[in-house]
């Protein structure tokens, strides 16, 4: 036991996205702008919905939670990645690595559950519009959001436990820019086959099942549009296609990475950029900022702020 403690890994070293300093500088500028826009867009959405009473509906309640998750999700990995672009040796302590892993899975799982709930919300709104206000009442919405955070917490605790129960005595090089279960358990000083299978049954199954549920929901919606007017079809198709684009960007990488934790490719960290950096930026653009009702609310808030300053 003493020998194990003496050789226990206390920090991990990231290889990052590249070792070319020119590319690192380009990535630093590009990703810094992307992260700033992600924060600005999602915070703007939250503030707008909170301070606009007419937007206090189930759909916008879910969108507020989505924006909050996106801010948290991107903030778990992106600041550390940006720091790494400026450092020759990119390190993270063992405890911070585990914390990053925990919150990464918490917010990613919460987002997966929320997108699934939002698909159900759109199904009720489009397929049974007369019963929408009865079915999707605010009490149910709050219960669903509580359930998704509870589910995300349980999932993240399981993933974290599977990781910290393993012994780490070297090596400590992670071929990525953040800590995640598949990349960390590869460094364990023991056989990780069983742990890998548990990851597949946890993360992989959650991603795949929720993705299939989303596809089913949107398929039913599209089939129901055959009896609708051209204008109704156009609006529904616009909403569903944009929503499904976000689903592909989030679920695609998750299914690609977490259904095969015992194998890894060099492209994995590039794929991870999509769900840690790109998707949180796309969500406000696709779900909300192109929405005329939200644009109008943002404009009114700006005017209200200007008038308050003048007075």
C-alpha atoms as a PDB file:
ATOM      1  CA  UNK A   1       0.000   0.000   0.000  1.00  0.00           C
ATOM      2  CA  UNK A   2       2.856   2.386   0.803  1.00  0.00           C
ATOM      3  CA  UNK A   3       4.531   1.587  -2.490  1.00  0.00           C
ATOM      4  CA  UNK A   4       1.296   2.402  -4.299  1.00  0.00           C
ATOM      5  CA  UNK A   5       0.962   5.747  -2.517  1.00  0.00           C
ATOM      6  CA  UNK A   6       4.517   6.690  -3.450  1.00  0.00           C
ATOM      7  CA  UNK A   7       3.891   6.099  -7.149  1.00  0.00           C
ATOM      8  CA  UNK A   8       0.348   7.462  -7.307  1.00  0.00           C
ATOM      9  CA  UNK A   9      -0.155   9.987 -10.099  1.00  0.00           C
ATOM     10  CA  UNK A  10      -0.674  13.523  -8.714  1.00  0.00           C
ATOM     11  CA  UNK A  11      -1.106  15.298 -12.051  1.00  0.00           C
ATOM     12  CA  UNK A  12      -1.863  14.605 -15.698  1.00  0.00           C
ATOM     13  CA  UNK A  13      -0.244  16.170 -18.748  1.00  0.00           C
ATOM     14  CA  UNK A  14      -2.375  17.078 -21.785  1.00  0.00           C
ATOM     15  CA  UNK A  15      -0.995  16.729 -25.303  1.00  0.00           C
ATOM     16  CA  UNK A  16      -3.621  19.209 -26.491  1.00  0.00           C
ATOM     17  CA  UNK A  17      -4.949  19.579 -30.013  1.00  0.00           C
ATOM     18  CA  UNK A  18      -1.575  20.274 -31.622  1.00  0.00           C
ATOM     19  CA  UNK A  19       2.093  20.897 -30.817  1.00  0.00           C
ATOM     20  CA  UNK A  20       2.483  23.497 -33.584  1.00  0.00           C
ATOM     21  CA  UNK A  21       2.765  26.913 -31.894  1.00  0.00           C
ATOM     22  CA  UNK A  22       1.361  28.750 -34.938  1.00  0.00           C
ATOM     23  CA  UNK A  23      -1.751  26.570 -34.925  1.00  0.00           C
ATOM     24  CA  UNK A  24      -1.990  26.961 -31.151  1.00  0.00           C
ATOM     25  CA  UNK A  25      -2.066  30.740 -31.574  1.00  0.00           C
ATOM     26  CA  UNK A  26      -4.713  30.490 -34.298  1.00  0.00           C
ATOM     27  CA  UNK A  27      -6.792  28.117 -32.149  1.00  0.00           C
ATOM     28  CA  UNK A  28      -6.416  30.380 -29.114  1.00  0.00           C
ATOM     29  CA  UNK A  29      -7.809  33.418 -30.968  1.00  0.00           C
ATOM     30  CA  UNK A  30     -10.541  31.449 -32.757  1.00  0.00           C
ATOM     31  CA  UNK A  31     -11.719  29.515 -29.715  1.00  0.00           C
ATOM     32  CA  UNK A  32     -11.528  32.589 -27.466  1.00  0.00           C
ATOM     33  CA  UNK A  33     -13.911  34.420 -29.816  1.00  0.00           C
ATOM     34  CA  UNK A  34     -16.152  31.343 -30.013  1.00  0.00           C
ATOM     35  CA  UNK A  35     -16.270  31.019 -26.223  1.00  0.00           C
ATOM     36  CA  UNK A  36     -17.005  34.732 -25.775  1.00  0.00           C
ATOM     37  CA  UNK A  37     -19.855  34.519 -28.301  1.00  0.00           C
ATOM     38  CA  UNK A  38     -21.170  31.398 -26.552  1.00  0.00           C
ATOM     39  CA  UNK A  39     -21.308  33.205 -23.204  1.00  0.00           C
ATOM     40  CA  UNK A  40     -22.791  36.360 -24.731  1.00  0.00           C
ATOM     41  CA  UNK A  41     -25.460  34.533 -26.726  1.00  0.00           C
ATOM     42  CA  UNK A  42     -26.605  32.210 -23.953  1.00  0.00           C
ATOM     43  CA  UNK A  43     -26.564  34.848 -21.207  1.00  0.00           C
ATOM     44  CA  UNK A  44     -28.539  37.199 -23.484  1.00  0.00           C
ATOM     45  CA  UNK A  45     -31.151  34.492 -23.964  1.00  0.00           C
ATOM     46  CA  UNK A  46     -31.453  33.815 -20.225  1.00  0.00           C
ATOM     47  CA  UNK A  47     -31.775  37.504 -19.341  1.00  0.00           C
ATOM     48  CA  UNK A  48     -34.277  38.141 -22.153  1.00  0.00           C
ATOM     49  CA  UNK A  49     -36.553  35.245 -21.216  1.00  0.00           C
ATOM     50  CA  UNK A  50     -36.389  35.951 -17.475  1.00  0.00           C
ATOM     51  CA  UNK A  51     -37.296  39.641 -17.879  1.00  0.00           C
ATOM     52  CA  UNK A  52     -39.976  39.157 -20.574  1.00  0.00           C
ATOM     53  CA  UNK A  53     -43.223  37.885 -19.007  1.00  0.00           C
ATOM     54  CA  UNK A  54     -44.786  36.795 -22.314  1.00  0.00           C
ATOM     55  CA  UNK A  55     -41.914  34.344 -22.785  1.00  0.00           C
ATOM     56  CA  UNK A  56     -42.686  32.556 -19.528  1.00  0.00           C
ATOM     57  CA  UNK A  57     -43.961  29.462 -21.346  1.00  0.00           C
ATOM     58  CA  UNK A  58     -42.796  25.816 -21.218  1.00  0.00           C
ATOM     59  CA  UNK A  59     -40.777  26.082 -24.447  1.00  0.00           C
ATOM     60  CA  UNK A  60     -38.833  29.145 -23.305  1.00  0.00           C
ATOM     61  CA  UNK A  61     -38.475  27.722 -19.809  1.00  0.00           C
ATOM     62  CA  UNK A  62     -36.647  24.772 -21.361  1.00  0.00           C
ATOM     63  CA  UNK A  63     -34.590  27.121 -23.565  1.00  0.00           C
ATOM     64  CA  UNK A  64     -33.483  29.071 -20.482  1.00  0.00           C
ATOM     65  CA  UNK A  65     -32.262  25.858 -18.907  1.00  0.00           C
ATOM     66  CA  UNK A  66     -30.538  24.889 -22.158  1.00  0.00           C
ATOM     67  CA  UNK A  67     -28.660  28.196 -22.239  1.00  0.00           C
ATOM     68  CA  UNK A  68     -27.623  27.772 -18.605  1.00  0.00           C
ATOM     69  CA  UNK A  69     -26.350  24.253 -19.312  1.00  0.00           C
ATOM     70  CA  UNK A  70     -24.445  25.465 -22.380  1.00  0.00           C
ATOM     71  CA  UNK A  71     -22.667  28.167 -20.380  1.00  0.00           C
ATOM     72  CA  UNK A  72     -21.668  25.634 -17.736  1.00  0.00           C
ATOM     73  CA  UNK A  73     -20.833  22.871 -20.209  1.00  0.00           C
ATOM     74  CA  UNK A  74     -18.432  24.992 -22.265  1.00  0.00           C
ATOM     75  CA  UNK A  75     -16.889  26.553 -19.143  1.00  0.00           C
ATOM     76  CA  UNK A  76     -15.827  23.139 -17.834  1.00  0.00           C
ATOM     77  CA  UNK A  77     -13.299  22.517 -20.624  1.00  0.00           C
ATOM     78  CA  UNK A  78     -12.739  25.618 -22.772  1.00  0.00           C
ATOM     79  CA  UNK A  79     -10.899  27.891 -20.260  1.00  0.00           C
ATOM     80  CA  UNK A  80      -8.412  25.103 -19.489  1.00  0.00           C
ATOM     81  CA  UNK A  81      -7.970  24.450 -23.204  1.00  0.00           C
ATOM     82  CA  UNK A  82      -7.298  28.153 -23.869  1.00  0.00           C
ATOM     83  CA  UNK A  83      -4.761  28.217 -21.039  1.00  0.00           C
ATOM     84  CA  UNK A  84      -3.044  25.195 -22.591  1.00  0.00           C
ATOM     85  CA  UNK A  85      -2.535  27.003 -25.899  1.00  0.00           C
ATOM     86  CA  UNK A  86      -0.330  29.520 -24.059  1.00  0.00           C
ATOM     87  CA  UNK A  87       1.706  26.981 -22.073  1.00  0.00           C
ATOM     88  CA  UNK A  88       4.417  24.636 -23.263  1.00  0.00           C
ATOM     89  CA  UNK A  89       3.547  22.073 -20.584  1.00  0.00           C
ATOM     90  CA  UNK A  90      -0.191  21.580 -20.152  1.00  0.00           C
ATOM     91  CA  UNK A  91      -0.938  20.020 -16.774  1.00  0.00           C
ATOM     92  CA  UNK A  92      -3.883  19.455 -14.462  1.00  0.00           C
ATOM     93  CA  UNK A  93      -3.851  18.063 -10.930  1.00  0.00           C
ATOM     94  CA  UNK A  94      -5.463  14.687 -10.263  1.00  0.00           C
ATOM     95  CA  UNK A  95      -8.233  16.233  -8.125  1.00  0.00           C
ATOM     96  CA  UNK A  96      -8.994  18.937 -10.699  1.00  0.00           C
ATOM     97  CA  UNK A  97      -9.037  16.300 -13.417  1.00  0.00           C
ATOM     98  CA  UNK A  98     -11.655  14.292 -11.541  1.00  0.00           C
ATOM     99  CA  UNK A  99     -13.680  17.463 -10.877  1.00  0.00           C
ATOM    100  CA  UNK A 100     -13.552  18.375 -14.576  1.00  0.00           C
ATOM    101  CA  UNK A 101     -14.655  14.866 -15.500  1.00  0.00           C
ATOM    102  CA  UNK A 102     -17.555  14.988 -13.031  1.00  0.00           C
ATOM    103  CA  UNK A 103     -18.954  18.329 -14.208  1.00  0.00           C
ATOM    104  CA  UNK A 104     -18.388  17.477 -17.874  1.00  0.00           C
ATOM    105  CA  UNK A 105     -20.629  14.425 -17.573  1.00  0.00           C
ATOM    106  CA  UNK A 106     -23.128  16.235 -15.360  1.00  0.00           C
ATOM    107  CA  UNK A 107     -23.787  19.024 -17.872  1.00  0.00           C
ATOM    108  CA  UNK A 108     -23.491  16.815 -20.969  1.00  0.00           C
ATOM    109  CA  UNK A 109     -25.985  14.288 -19.592  1.00  0.00           C
ATOM    110  CA  UNK A 110     -28.322  17.073 -18.419  1.00  0.00           C
ATOM    111  CA  UNK A 111     -28.254  18.538 -21.945  1.00  0.00           C
ATOM    112  CA  UNK A 112     -28.990  15.171 -23.538  1.00  0.00           C
ATOM    113  CA  UNK A 113     -31.996  14.678 -21.247  1.00  0.00           C
ATOM    114  CA  UNK A 114     -33.175  18.261 -21.820  1.00  0.00           C
ATOM    115  CA  UNK A 115     -33.035  17.946 -25.622  1.00  0.00           C
ATOM    116  CA  UNK A 116     -35.107  14.767 -25.314  1.00  0.00           C
ATOM    117  CA  UNK A 117     -37.665  16.589 -23.156  1.00  0.00           C
ATOM    118  CA  UNK A 118     -37.745  19.472 -25.636  1.00  0.00           C
ATOM    119  CA  UNK A 119     -38.447  17.030 -28.463  1.00  0.00           C
ATOM    120  CA  UNK A 120     -41.418  15.712 -26.468  1.00  0.00           C
ATOM    121  CA  UNK A 121     -42.555  19.301 -25.868  1.00  0.00           C
ATOM    122  CA  UNK A 122     -42.502  19.972 -29.639  1.00  0.00           C
ATOM    123  CA  UNK A 123     -44.347  16.693 -30.262  1.00  0.00           C
ATOM    124  CA  UNK A 124     -47.170  17.724 -27.923  1.00  0.00           C
ATOM    125  CA  UNK A 125     -47.273  21.266 -29.348  1.00  0.00           C
ATOM    126  CA  UNK A 126     -47.449  20.146 -32.995  1.00  0.00           C
ATOM    127  CA  UNK A 127     -49.358  16.857 -32.805  1.00  0.00           C
ATOM    128  CA  UNK A 128     -51.858  17.679 -30.018  1.00  0.00           C
ATOM    129  CA  UNK A 129     -52.018  21.500 -29.917  1.00  0.00           C
ATOM    130  CA  UNK A 130     -55.446  21.618 -28.251  1.00  0.00           C
ATOM    131  CA  UNK A 131     -54.138  19.690 -25.237  1.00  0.00           C
ATOM    132  CA  UNK A 132     -50.747  21.406 -25.054  1.00  0.00           C
ATOM    133  CA  UNK A 133     -51.528  23.819 -22.202  1.00  0.00           C
ATOM    134  CA  UNK A 134     -53.013  20.976 -20.163  1.00  0.00           C
ATOM    135  CA  UNK A 135     -50.249  18.453 -20.763  1.00  0.00           C
ATOM    136  CA  UNK A 136     -47.231  20.778 -20.628  1.00  0.00           C
ATOM    137  CA  UNK A 137     -48.112  22.832 -17.557  1.00  0.00           C
ATOM    138  CA  UNK A 138     -45.368  24.587 -15.596  1.00  0.00           C
ATOM    139  CA  UNK A 139     -45.594  22.156 -12.691  1.00  0.00           C
ATOM    140  CA  UNK A 140     -44.737  19.268 -15.013  1.00  0.00           C
ATOM    141  CA  UNK A 141     -41.975  21.326 -16.642  1.00  0.00           C
ATOM    142  CA  UNK A 142     -40.322  21.996 -13.271  1.00  0.00           C
ATOM    143  CA  UNK A 143     -40.610  18.315 -12.372  1.00  0.00           C
ATOM    144  CA  UNK A 144     -39.017  17.296 -15.679  1.00  0.00           C
ATOM    145  CA  UNK A 145     -36.110  19.724 -15.197  1.00  0.00           C
ATOM    146  CA  UNK A 146     -35.590  18.467 -11.639  1.00  0.00           C
ATOM    147  CA  UNK A 147     -35.588  14.893 -12.962  1.00  0.00           C
ATOM    148  CA  UNK A 148     -33.019  15.654 -15.654  1.00  0.00           C
ATOM    149  CA  UNK A 149     -30.637  17.250 -13.119  1.00  0.00           C
ATOM    150  CA  UNK A 150     -31.115  14.294 -10.784  1.00  0.00           C
ATOM    151  CA  UNK A 151     -30.473  11.868 -13.620  1.00  0.00           C
ATOM    152  CA  UNK A 152     -27.405  13.815 -14.743  1.00  0.00           C
ATOM    153  CA  UNK A 153     -26.015  13.853 -11.203  1.00  0.00           C
ATOM    154  CA  UNK A 154     -26.486  10.100 -10.752  1.00  0.00           C
ATOM    155  CA  UNK A 155     -24.896   9.398 -14.130  1.00  0.00           C
ATOM    156  CA  UNK A 156     -21.928  11.664 -13.363  1.00  0.00           C
ATOM    157  CA  UNK A 157     -21.393  10.136  -9.917  1.00  0.00           C
ATOM    158  CA  UNK A 158     -21.325   6.660 -11.475  1.00  0.00           C
ATOM    159  CA  UNK A 159     -18.783   7.755 -14.113  1.00  0.00           C
ATOM    160  CA  UNK A 160     -16.616   9.439 -11.489  1.00  0.00           C
ATOM    161  CA  UNK A 161     -16.713   6.415  -9.197  1.00  0.00           C
ATOM    162  CA  UNK A 162     -15.724   4.118 -12.077  1.00  0.00           C
ATOM    163  CA  UNK A 163     -12.718   6.354 -12.688  1.00  0.00           C
ATOM    164  CA  UNK A 164     -11.370   7.030  -9.170  1.00  0.00           C
ATOM    165  CA  UNK A 165     -11.690   3.393  -8.041  1.00  0.00           C
ATOM    166  CA  UNK A 166      -8.826   2.460 -10.390  1.00  0.00           C
ATOM    167  CA  UNK A 167      -5.135   2.760  -9.390  1.00  0.00           C
ATOM    168  CA  UNK A 168      -3.023   5.344 -11.272  1.00  0.00           C
ATOM    169  CA  UNK A 169       0.739   4.934 -10.978  1.00  0.00           C
ATOM    170  CA  UNK A 170       1.880   6.155 -14.401  1.00  0.00           C
ATOM    171  CA  UNK A 171       2.001   7.037 -17.240  1.00  0.00           C
ATOM    172  CA  UNK A 172       0.173  10.336 -16.898  1.00  0.00           C
ATOM    173  CA  UNK A 173      -0.039  11.610 -20.495  1.00  0.00           C
ATOM    174  CA  UNK A 174      -3.571  12.309 -21.798  1.00  0.00           C
ATOM    175  CA  UNK A 175      -3.879  12.640 -25.572  1.00  0.00           C
ATOM    176  CA  UNK A 176      -6.571  15.304 -25.331  1.00  0.00           C
ATOM    177  CA  UNK A 177      -7.199  18.797 -23.965  1.00  0.00           C
ATOM    178  CA  UNK A 178      -9.513  17.787 -21.098  1.00  0.00           C
ATOM    179  CA  UNK A 179     -10.165  14.912 -18.709  1.00  0.00           C
ATOM    180  CA  UNK A 180     -12.771  12.366 -19.717  1.00  0.00           C
ATOM    181  CA  UNK A 181     -13.441   8.834 -18.564  1.00  0.00           C
ATOM    182  CA  UNK A 182     -12.177   6.943 -21.661  1.00  0.00           C
ATOM    183  CA  UNK A 183      -8.917   8.903 -21.866  1.00  0.00           C
ATOM    184  CA  UNK A 184      -8.219   8.749 -18.106  1.00  0.00           C
ATOM    185  CA  UNK A 185      -8.956   5.062 -17.429  1.00  0.00           C
ATOM    186  CA  UNK A 186      -6.539   4.128 -20.225  1.00  0.00           C
ATOM    187  CA  UNK A 187      -3.788   5.272 -17.833  1.00  0.00           C
ATOM    188  CA  UNK A 188      -4.850   2.992 -14.976  1.00  0.00           C
ATOM    189  CA  UNK A 189      -2.349   0.392 -13.747  1.00  0.00           C
ATOM    190  CA  UNK A 190      -4.845  -2.449 -14.081  1.00  0.00           C
ATOM    191  CA  UNK A 191      -7.134  -4.120 -16.570  1.00  0.00           C
ATOM    192  CA  UNK A 192     -10.016  -1.768 -17.463  1.00  0.00           C
ATOM    193  CA  UNK A 193     -12.119  -4.058 -19.648  1.00  0.00           C
ATOM    194  CA  UNK A 194     -14.960  -4.367 -17.126  1.00  0.00           C
ATOM    195  CA  UNK A 195     -14.894  -0.615 -16.454  1.00  0.00           C
ATOM    196  CA  UNK A 196     -15.028   0.025 -20.192  1.00  0.00           C
ATOM    197  CA  UNK A 197     -18.082  -2.177 -20.540  1.00  0.00           C
ATOM    198  CA  UNK A 198     -19.774  -0.319 -17.675  1.00  0.00           C
ATOM    199  CA  UNK A 199     -19.079   2.969 -19.469  1.00  0.00           C
ATOM    200  CA  UNK A 200     -20.722   1.621 -22.616  1.00  0.00           C
ATOM    201  CA  UNK A 201     -23.749   0.491 -20.608  1.00  0.00           C
ATOM    202  CA  UNK A 202     -23.950   3.942 -18.984  1.00  0.00           C
ATOM    203  CA  UNK A 203     -22.865   6.792 -21.269  1.00  0.00           C
ATOM    204  CA  UNK A 204     -23.191   4.880 -24.521  1.00  0.00           C
ATOM    205  CA  UNK A 205     -26.657   3.558 -23.749  1.00  0.00           C
ATOM    206  CA  UNK A 206     -27.947   6.929 -22.527  1.00  0.00           C
ATOM    207  CA  UNK A 207     -26.698   8.676 -25.677  1.00  0.00           C
ATOM    208  CA  UNK A 208     -28.028   6.026 -28.038  1.00  0.00           C
ATOM    209  CA  UNK A 209     -31.431   5.569 -26.390  1.00  0.00           C
ATOM    210  CA  UNK A 210     -32.090   9.316 -26.127  1.00  0.00           C
ATOM    211  CA  UNK A 211     -30.987   9.792 -29.736  1.00  0.00           C
ATOM    212  CA  UNK A 212     -33.391   7.074 -30.919  1.00  0.00           C
ATOM    213  CA  UNK A 213     -36.167   8.652 -28.826  1.00  0.00           C
ATOM    214  CA  UNK A 214     -35.475  12.013 -30.484  1.00  0.00           C
ATOM    215  CA  UNK A 215     -35.465  10.506 -33.972  1.00  0.00           C
ATOM    216  CA  UNK A 216     -38.750   8.745 -33.235  1.00  0.00           C
ATOM    217  CA  UNK A 217     -40.310  11.938 -31.888  1.00  0.00           C
ATOM    218  CA  UNK A 218     -39.318  14.019 -34.925  1.00  0.00           C
ATOM    219  CA  UNK A 219     -40.391  11.240 -37.309  1.00  0.00           C
ATOM    220  CA  UNK A 220     -43.864  11.171 -35.761  1.00  0.00           C
ATOM    221  CA  UNK A 221     -44.013  14.967 -36.019  1.00  0.00           C
ATOM    222  CA  UNK A 222     -43.058  14.909 -39.708  1.00  0.00           C
ATOM    223  CA  UNK A 223     -45.627  12.204 -40.471  1.00  0.00           C
ATOM    224  CA  UNK A 224     -48.341  14.239 -38.747  1.00  0.00           C
ATOM    225  CA  UNK A 225     -47.621  17.240 -40.977  1.00  0.00           C
ATOM    226  CA  UNK A 226     -49.096  15.592 -44.050  1.00  0.00           C
ATOM    227  CA  UNK A 227     -52.563  16.772 -43.002  1.00  0.00           C
ATOM    228  CA  UNK A 228     -51.470  20.321 -42.164  1.00  0.00           C
ATOM    229  CA  UNK A 229     -51.524  23.488 -44.255  1.00  0.00           C
ATOM    230  CA  UNK A 230     -48.396  24.495 -46.227  1.00  0.00           C
ATOM    231  CA  UNK A 231     -47.665  27.325 -43.766  1.00  0.00           C
ATOM    232  CA  UNK A 232     -47.933  25.007 -40.749  1.00  0.00           C
ATOM    233  CA  UNK A 233     -45.679  22.480 -42.474  1.00  0.00           C
ATOM    234  CA  UNK A 234     -43.107  25.158 -43.257  1.00  0.00           C
ATOM    235  CA  UNK A 235     -42.928  26.387 -39.650  1.00  0.00           C
ATOM    236  CA  UNK A 236     -42.782  22.886 -38.189  1.00  0.00           C
ATOM    237  CA  UNK A 237     -40.136  21.725 -40.684  1.00  0.00           C
ATOM    238  CA  UNK A 238     -38.015  24.801 -39.958  1.00  0.00           C
ATOM    239  CA  UNK A 239     -38.185  24.123 -36.219  1.00  0.00           C
ATOM    240  CA  UNK A 240     -37.577  20.372 -36.439  1.00  0.00           C
ATOM    241  CA  UNK A 241     -34.700  20.602 -38.937  1.00  0.00           C
ATOM    242  CA  UNK A 242     -32.832  23.184 -36.864  1.00  0.00           C
ATOM    243  CA  UNK A 243     -33.410  21.237 -33.646  1.00  0.00           C
ATOM    244  CA  UNK A 244     -32.249  18.008 -35.268  1.00  0.00           C
ATOM    245  CA  UNK A 245     -29.044  19.721 -36.436  1.00  0.00           C
ATOM    246  CA  UNK A 246     -28.115  20.460 -32.820  1.00  0.00           C
ATOM    247  CA  UNK A 247     -29.009  16.903 -31.853  1.00  0.00           C
ATOM    248  CA  UNK A 248     -26.609  15.519 -34.485  1.00  0.00           C
ATOM    249  CA  UNK A 249     -23.767  17.791 -33.331  1.00  0.00           C
ATOM    250  CA  UNK A 250     -24.217  16.721 -29.685  1.00  0.00           C
ATOM    251  CA  UNK A 251     -25.270  13.081 -29.936  1.00  0.00           C
ATOM    252  CA  UNK A 252     -23.035  12.161 -32.876  1.00  0.00           C
ATOM    253  CA  UNK A 253     -19.744  12.750 -31.006  1.00  0.00           C
ATOM    254  CA  UNK A 254     -21.115  11.232 -27.776  1.00  0.00           C
ATOM    255  CA  UNK A 255     -22.191   8.023 -29.514  1.00  0.00           C
ATOM    256  CA  UNK A 256     -18.897   7.917 -31.456  1.00  0.00           C
ATOM    257  CA  UNK A 257     -16.759   8.208 -28.309  1.00  0.00           C
ATOM    258  CA  UNK A 258     -18.737   6.473 -25.552  1.00  0.00           C
ATOM    259  CA  UNK A 259     -19.872   3.338 -27.381  1.00  0.00           C
ATOM    260  CA  UNK A 260     -16.231   2.193 -27.792  1.00  0.00           C
ATOM    261  CA  UNK A 261     -14.265   3.367 -24.707  1.00  0.00           C
ATOM    262  CA  UNK A 262     -11.656   0.609 -25.042  1.00  0.00           C
ATOM    263  CA  UNK A 263     -10.420   1.987 -28.372  1.00  0.00           C
ATOM    264  CA  UNK A 264      -9.400   5.503 -29.330  1.00  0.00           C
ATOM    265  CA  UNK A 265      -8.461   7.377 -32.472  1.00  0.00           C
ATOM    266  CA  UNK A 266      -6.500  10.584 -32.964  1.00  0.00           C
ATOM    267  CA  UNK A 267      -9.676  12.174 -34.318  1.00  0.00           C
ATOM    268  CA  UNK A 268     -11.467  11.720 -30.960  1.00  0.00           C
ATOM    269  CA  UNK A 269     -10.264  15.053 -29.559  1.00  0.00           C
ATOM    270  CA  UNK A 270     -11.301  16.835 -32.755  1.00  0.00           C
ATOM    271  CA  UNK A 271     -14.747  15.241 -32.510  1.00  0.00           C
ATOM    272  CA  UNK A 272     -14.917  16.338 -28.856  1.00  0.00           C
ATOM    273  CA  UNK A 273     -14.540  19.978 -29.939  1.00  0.00           C
ATOM    274  CA  UNK A 274     -18.018  19.778 -31.458  1.00  0.00           C
ATOM    275  CA  UNK A 275     -19.850  18.972 -28.222  1.00  0.00           C
ATOM    276  CA  UNK A 276     -17.638  21.048 -25.893  1.00  0.00           C
ATOM    277  CA  UNK A 277     -17.298  24.189 -28.029  1.00  0.00           C
ATOM    278  CA  UNK A 278     -19.386  24.206 -31.209  1.00  0.00           C
ATOM    279  CA  UNK A 279     -22.740  22.927 -29.898  1.00  0.00           C
ATOM    280  CA  UNK A 280     -22.983  25.458 -27.006  1.00  0.00           C
ATOM    281  CA  UNK A 281     -22.494  28.217 -29.608  1.00  0.00           C
ATOM    282  CA  UNK A 282     -24.993  26.774 -32.080  1.00  0.00           C
ATOM    283  CA  UNK A 283     -27.792  26.340 -29.546  1.00  0.00           C
ATOM    284  CA  UNK A 284     -28.558  30.052 -29.047  1.00  0.00           C
ATOM    285  CA  UNK A 285     -28.245  30.693 -32.796  1.00  0.00           C
ATOM    286  CA  UNK A 286     -30.473  27.820 -33.875  1.00  0.00           C
ATOM    287  CA  UNK A 287     -33.007  27.567 -31.056  1.00  0.00           C
ATOM    288  CA  UNK A 288     -33.572  31.147 -30.009  1.00  0.00           C
ATOM    289  CA  UNK A 289     -31.775  34.071 -31.653  1.00  0.00           C
ATOM    290  CA  UNK A 290     -33.382  33.331 -35.030  1.00  0.00           C
ATOM    291  CA  UNK A 291     -36.792  33.362 -33.329  1.00  0.00           C
ATOM    292  CA  UNK A 292     -38.719  36.546 -34.151  1.00  0.00           C
ATOM    293  CA  UNK A 293     -40.434  36.606 -30.752  1.00  0.00           C
ATOM    294  CA  UNK A 294     -37.079  36.515 -28.956  1.00  0.00           C
ATOM    295  CA  UNK A 295     -35.577  39.132 -31.299  1.00  0.00           C
ATOM    296  CA  UNK A 296     -38.491  41.427 -30.511  1.00  0.00           C
ATOM    297  CA  UNK A 297     -38.048  40.866 -26.764  1.00  0.00           C
ATOM    298  CA  UNK A 298     -34.302  41.637 -26.971  1.00  0.00           C
ATOM    299  CA  UNK A 299     -35.065  44.858 -28.869  1.00  0.00           C
ATOM    300  CA  UNK A 300     -37.630  45.908 -26.267  1.00  0.00           C
ATOM    301  CA  UNK A 301     -35.191  45.240 -23.416  1.00  0.00           C
ATOM    302  CA  UNK A 302     -32.571  47.396 -25.147  1.00  0.00           C
ATOM    303  CA  UNK A 303     -35.065  50.224 -25.611  1.00  0.00           C
ATOM    304  CA  UNK A 304     -36.179  49.940 -21.994  1.00  0.00           C
ATOM    305  CA  UNK A 305     -32.544  50.156 -20.868  1.00  0.00           C
ATOM    306  CA  UNK A 306     -31.899  53.212 -23.044  1.00  0.00           C
ATOM    307  CA  UNK A 307     -34.996  54.998 -21.741  1.00  0.00           C
ATOM    308  CA  UNK A 308     -34.119  54.184 -18.130  1.00  0.00           C
ATOM    309  CA  UNK A 309     -30.650  55.691 -18.609  1.00  0.00           C
ATOM    310  CA  UNK A 310     -32.120  58.879 -20.114  1.00  0.00           C
ATOM    311  CA  UNK A 311     -34.534  59.274 -17.245  1.00  0.00           C
END
